[in-house]
Amino acid sequence: MKKGVGFLVTVALMALVSSLASAFDPSPLQDTCVAIAEPENAVFVNGKFCKNPNLTKAEDFFYSGLDKPGNISNPVGSAVTPVNVEQIPGLNTLGISAVRIDYAPYGQNPPHTHPRATEILTVLEGTLLVGFVTSNPENRLFTKVLNKGDVFVFPIGLIHFQFNIGHTNAVAIAGLSSQNPGVITIANAVFGSDPAIDPDVLSRAFQLDKNVVKNLQSRFWYDNN
């Protein structure tokens, strides 16, 4: 009898642990998703509404054009061509997307983060200096020079960059672990926010003269995405 009770208790505990292990909040697929009590006023769910499976077609999983280079005639000398759920609706709920990145000589994909995705990048042409910085307090820099065929990983949420150190154009393809990874370019977000961050905040944070901060905020911060 005691063995039977012990077995039932063990099974019950295992069931409880299993339920707790599988009970988690889904990862956010956009920057904000404010709860609303009236469904008729809702704009979207966490991700996209699902199409009727009976109406699904091959085109929902298809994109053409990643062979075409982006326009790199801009201040940062790079262009990012995304292939996410906006371009391929069939990526909805699949947790994956891709980008093509083109770089002019000495062009860069400026320091940025993907709040919802890890990135794995493969160099197709050229030579890139890449790196990422770990979180506080270490702020450790991991950096590497990549050549054609080399692969590098940028962990989710960490600031990272790519810089073309070659004399010719460079091209890379990257996979990201989200249908909508998001991107926060550090300079754009800090100095180009709308409305602008109080210069006193940035002056102390970056230990810069307030006039220098105002000058930086007055500039046009190009978005290469």
Protein backbone atom coordinates (compact mmCIF):
# COMPACT_ATOMS: atom_id res chain seq x y z
CA MET A 1 0.00 0.00 0.00
CA LYS A 2 2.80 2.41 0.93
CA LYS A 3 4.58 1.62 -2.33
CA GLY A 4 1.37 2.38 -4.25
CA VAL A 5 0.94 5.73 -2.47
CA GLY A 6 4.60 6.60 -3.05
CA PHE A 7 4.26 5.81 -6.75
CA LEU A 8 1.17 8.03 -7.07
CA VAL A 9 2.91 10.88 -5.27
CA THR A 10 5.92 10.54 -7.60
CA VAL A 11 3.68 10.58 -10.67
CA ALA A 12 1.81 13.62 -9.34
CA LEU A 13 5.04 15.50 -8.68
CA MET A 14 6.40 14.65 -12.12
CA ALA A 15 3.18 15.87 -13.72
CA LEU A 16 3.38 19.11 -11.74
CA VAL A 17 7.02 19.70 -12.69
CA SER A 18 6.25 18.90 -16.31
CA SER A 19 3.38 21.38 -16.38
CA LEU A 20 5.54 24.08 -14.82
CA ALA A 21 8.35 23.42 -17.29
CA SER A 22 6.04 23.84 -20.28
CA ALA A 23 4.17 26.84 -18.90
CA PHE A 24 5.98 29.89 -20.24
CA ASP A 25 5.13 33.20 -21.85
CA PRO A 26 5.63 33.30 -25.64
CA SER A 27 8.49 35.48 -26.79
CA PRO A 28 7.27 38.91 -28.00
CA LEU A 29 7.23 39.31 -31.77
CA GLN A 30 7.02 43.10 -31.77
CA ASP A 31 8.19 45.97 -29.57
CA THR A 32 4.89 46.43 -27.70
CA CYS A 33 1.65 44.46 -27.34
CA VAL A 34 -0.66 46.26 -24.89
CA ALA A 35 -3.48 44.13 -23.47
CA ILE A 36 -6.99 45.19 -24.46
CA ALA A 37 -10.35 44.10 -23.05
CA GLU A 38 -12.34 44.69 -26.25
CA PRO A 39 -11.20 42.22 -28.97
CA GLU A 40 -13.01 44.21 -31.65
CA ASN A 41 -10.52 47.03 -31.06
CA ALA A 42 -7.47 44.79 -31.25
CA VAL A 43 -4.93 45.48 -34.00
CA PHE A 44 -2.95 42.22 -34.02
CA VAL A 45 -1.97 39.24 -31.92
CA ASN A 46 1.58 38.38 -30.81
CA GLY A 47 2.74 37.96 -34.38
CA LYS A 48 0.25 37.87 -37.26
CA PHE A 49 -3.26 36.53 -37.67
CA CYS A 50 -3.22 33.11 -39.34
CA LYS A 51 -4.58 32.59 -42.83
CA ASN A 52 -7.19 29.90 -43.42
CA PRO A 53 -5.07 26.78 -44.18
CA ASN A 54 -7.39 25.95 -47.07
CA LEU A 55 -6.42 29.23 -48.73
CA THR A 56 -2.66 28.81 -48.23
CA LYS A 57 -0.57 28.66 -51.42
CA ALA A 58 3.07 28.19 -52.41
CA GLU A 59 3.54 31.94 -52.88
CA ASP A 60 2.99 32.40 -49.13
CA PHE A 61 6.37 30.71 -48.58
CA PHE A 62 8.29 32.33 -51.44
CA TYR A 63 10.44 35.42 -51.98
CA SER A 64 12.42 36.46 -55.04
CA GLY A 65 15.15 39.08 -55.21
CA LEU A 66 17.82 38.25 -52.66
CA ASP A 67 20.31 38.01 -55.53
CA LYS A 68 19.98 41.76 -56.12
CA PRO A 69 22.46 44.02 -54.27
CA GLY A 70 21.15 46.77 -52.00
CA ASN A 71 21.91 50.47 -52.46
CA ILE A 72 25.16 51.12 -50.60
CA SER A 73 25.48 54.77 -51.67
CA ASN A 74 24.64 56.14 -48.23
CA PRO A 75 26.46 57.57 -45.17
CA VAL A 76 27.16 54.18 -43.56
CA GLY A 77 28.08 52.40 -46.79
CA SER A 78 25.81 49.39 -46.35
CA ALA A 79 22.32 48.12 -47.11
CA VAL A 80 20.27 45.42 -45.39
CA THR A 81 17.66 43.53 -47.41
CA PRO A 82 15.31 41.72 -45.00
CA VAL A 83 13.38 38.54 -45.66
CA ASN A 84 11.10 38.21 -42.65
CA VAL A 85 7.38 37.68 -42.07
CA GLU A 86 6.62 40.94 -43.88
CA GLN A 87 8.14 39.54 -47.09
CA ILE A 88 7.20 35.86 -46.60
CA PRO A 89 3.86 35.52 -44.74
CA GLY A 90 4.49 31.79 -44.37
CA LEU A 91 7.23 32.54 -41.83
CA ASN A 92 4.54 33.43 -39.28
CA THR A 93 5.09 31.36 -36.06
CA LEU A 94 8.15 29.58 -37.55
CA GLY A 95 10.76 31.61 -35.64
CA ILE A 96 13.19 32.24 -38.48
CA SER A 97 14.10 34.93 -41.03
CA ALA A 98 17.04 36.07 -43.15
CA VAL A 99 18.80 39.17 -44.45
CA ARG A 100 21.23 40.04 -47.19
CA ILE A 101 23.81 42.69 -46.28
CA ASP A 102 25.82 44.61 -48.88
CA TYR A 103 28.86 46.68 -47.91
CA ALA A 104 30.78 49.34 -49.83
CA PRO A 105 34.57 49.40 -49.33
CA TYR A 106 35.04 50.50 -45.71
CA GLY A 107 31.28 50.50 -45.27
CA GLN A 108 29.75 49.17 -42.08
CA ASN A 109 26.61 47.76 -40.55
CA PRO A 110 26.80 50.07 -37.49
CA PRO A 111 26.62 48.80 -33.89
CA HIS A 112 23.10 47.51 -33.30
CA THR A 113 21.10 44.82 -31.53
CA HIS A 114 18.33 42.40 -32.43
CA PRO A 115 16.07 42.30 -29.36
CA ARG A 116 14.34 39.10 -30.44
CA ALA A 117 16.94 37.02 -32.29
CA THR A 118 20.33 35.37 -32.42
CA GLU A 119 22.06 35.93 -35.77
CA ILE A 120 24.34 33.62 -37.75
CA LEU A 121 26.22 35.40 -40.54
CA THR A 122 28.03 33.93 -43.55
CA VAL A 123 30.37 35.99 -45.73
CA LEU A 124 29.77 35.42 -49.45
CA GLU A 125 32.23 37.98 -50.81
CA GLY A 126 34.89 40.25 -49.30
CA THR A 127 36.51 40.60 -45.89
CA LEU A 128 34.63 41.77 -42.80
CA LEU A 129 35.74 42.77 -39.33
CA VAL A 130 32.88 41.68 -37.05
CA GLY A 131 32.27 41.61 -33.33
CA PHE A 132 29.88 41.74 -30.41
CA VAL A 133 30.06 43.07 -26.86
CA THR A 134 28.76 41.17 -23.83
CA SER A 135 26.48 42.69 -21.20
CA ASN A 136 27.52 44.65 -18.08
CA PRO A 137 29.72 44.61 -16.13
CA GLU A 138 32.30 42.82 -18.31
CA ASN A 139 31.45 44.47 -21.66
CA ARG A 140 33.85 42.00 -23.24
CA LEU A 141 34.50 42.39 -26.97
CA PHE A 142 34.57 39.27 -29.17
CA THR A 143 35.90 40.16 -32.62
CA LYS A 144 37.09 38.32 -35.71
CA VAL A 145 38.15 39.01 -39.30
CA LEU A 146 35.97 36.98 -41.67
CA ASN A 147 36.72 36.00 -45.25
CA LYS A 148 34.59 34.36 -47.93
CA GLY A 149 32.88 31.26 -46.53
CA ASP A 150 33.47 32.15 -42.88
CA VAL A 151 30.60 32.07 -40.38
CA PHE A 152 30.08 34.04 -37.15
CA VAL A 153 27.31 34.09 -34.53
CA PHE A 154 25.92 37.14 -32.71
CA PRO A 155 23.99 36.11 -29.54
CA ILE A 156 20.49 37.48 -29.02
CA GLY A 157 20.23 41.04 -27.74
CA LEU A 158 23.96 41.83 -27.73
CA ILE A 159 25.42 44.87 -29.51
CA HIS A 160 27.27 43.79 -32.65
CA PHE A 161 28.66 45.21 -35.91
CA GLN A 162 30.26 44.40 -39.24
CA PHE A 163 32.88 46.53 -41.03
CA ASN A 164 34.20 45.96 -44.55
CA ILE A 165 37.96 46.29 -44.25
CA GLY A 166 38.56 45.34 -47.89
CA HIS A 167 39.06 47.48 -50.97
CA THR A 168 36.09 45.90 -52.78
CA ASN A 169 32.40 45.42 -52.08
CA ALA A 170 31.42 42.71 -49.61
CA VAL A 171 28.26 40.60 -49.30
CA ALA A 172 26.91 38.51 -46.42
CA ILE A 173 23.80 36.46 -45.74
CA ALA A 174 22.48 36.04 -42.20
CA GLY A 175 19.84 33.87 -40.59
CA LEU A 176 17.95 35.10 -37.51
CA SER A 177 16.00 33.12 -34.94
CA SER A 178 12.77 35.13 -35.17
CA GLN A 179 10.18 35.89 -37.81
CA ASN A 180 10.52 39.54 -36.72
CA PRO A 181 13.94 39.98 -35.04
CA GLY A 182 13.75 43.77 -34.80
CA VAL A 183 16.79 46.03 -34.96
CA ILE A 184 17.99 48.87 -32.72
CA THR A 185 20.86 50.86 -34.24
CA ILE A 186 22.58 52.35 -31.20
CA ALA A 187 23.50 55.79 -32.60
CA ASN A 188 20.09 56.24 -34.23
CA ALA A 189 18.23 55.27 -31.09
CA VAL A 190 20.30 57.39 -28.71
CA PHE A 191 20.88 60.53 -30.77
CA GLY A 192 18.03 60.29 -33.28
CA SER A 193 15.07 59.37 -31.08
CA ASP A 194 11.70 61.07 -31.60
CA PRO A 195 11.18 63.07 -29.49
CA ALA A 196 14.81 63.71 -28.59
CA ILE A 197 16.26 62.50 -25.28
CA ASP A 198 17.05 65.36 -22.90
CA PRO A 199 20.64 66.48 -23.73
CA ASP A 200 21.43 66.63 -20.01
CA VAL A 201 20.79 62.88 -19.80
CA LEU A 202 23.08 62.06 -22.72
CA SER A 203 25.70 64.59 -21.65
CA ARG A 204 26.20 62.85 -18.33
CA ALA A 205 25.77 59.32 -19.70
CA PHE A 206 28.42 59.79 -22.41
CA GLN A 207 30.49 62.32 -20.44
CA LEU A 208 30.25 64.81 -23.30
CA ASP A 209 29.76 68.54 -23.43
CA LYS A 210 26.08 69.38 -23.78
CA ASN A 211 26.74 71.27 -27.03
CA VAL A 212 28.40 68.20 -28.51
CA VAL A 213 25.28 66.18 -27.66
CA LYS A 214 23.03 68.78 -29.27
CA ASN A 215 25.19 68.71 -32.38
CA LEU A 216 24.91 64.93 -32.58
CA GLN A 217 21.13 65.13 -32.11
CA SER A 218 20.84 67.66 -34.92
CA ARG A 219 22.36 65.29 -37.46
CA PHE A 220 20.49 62.96 -39.80
CA TRP A 221 21.03 59.37 -38.64
CA TYR A 222 20.74 57.10 -41.67
CA ASP A 223 18.86 53.81 -41.34
CA ASN A 224 20.42 51.14 -43.58
CA ASN A 225 17.63 48.63 -42.93
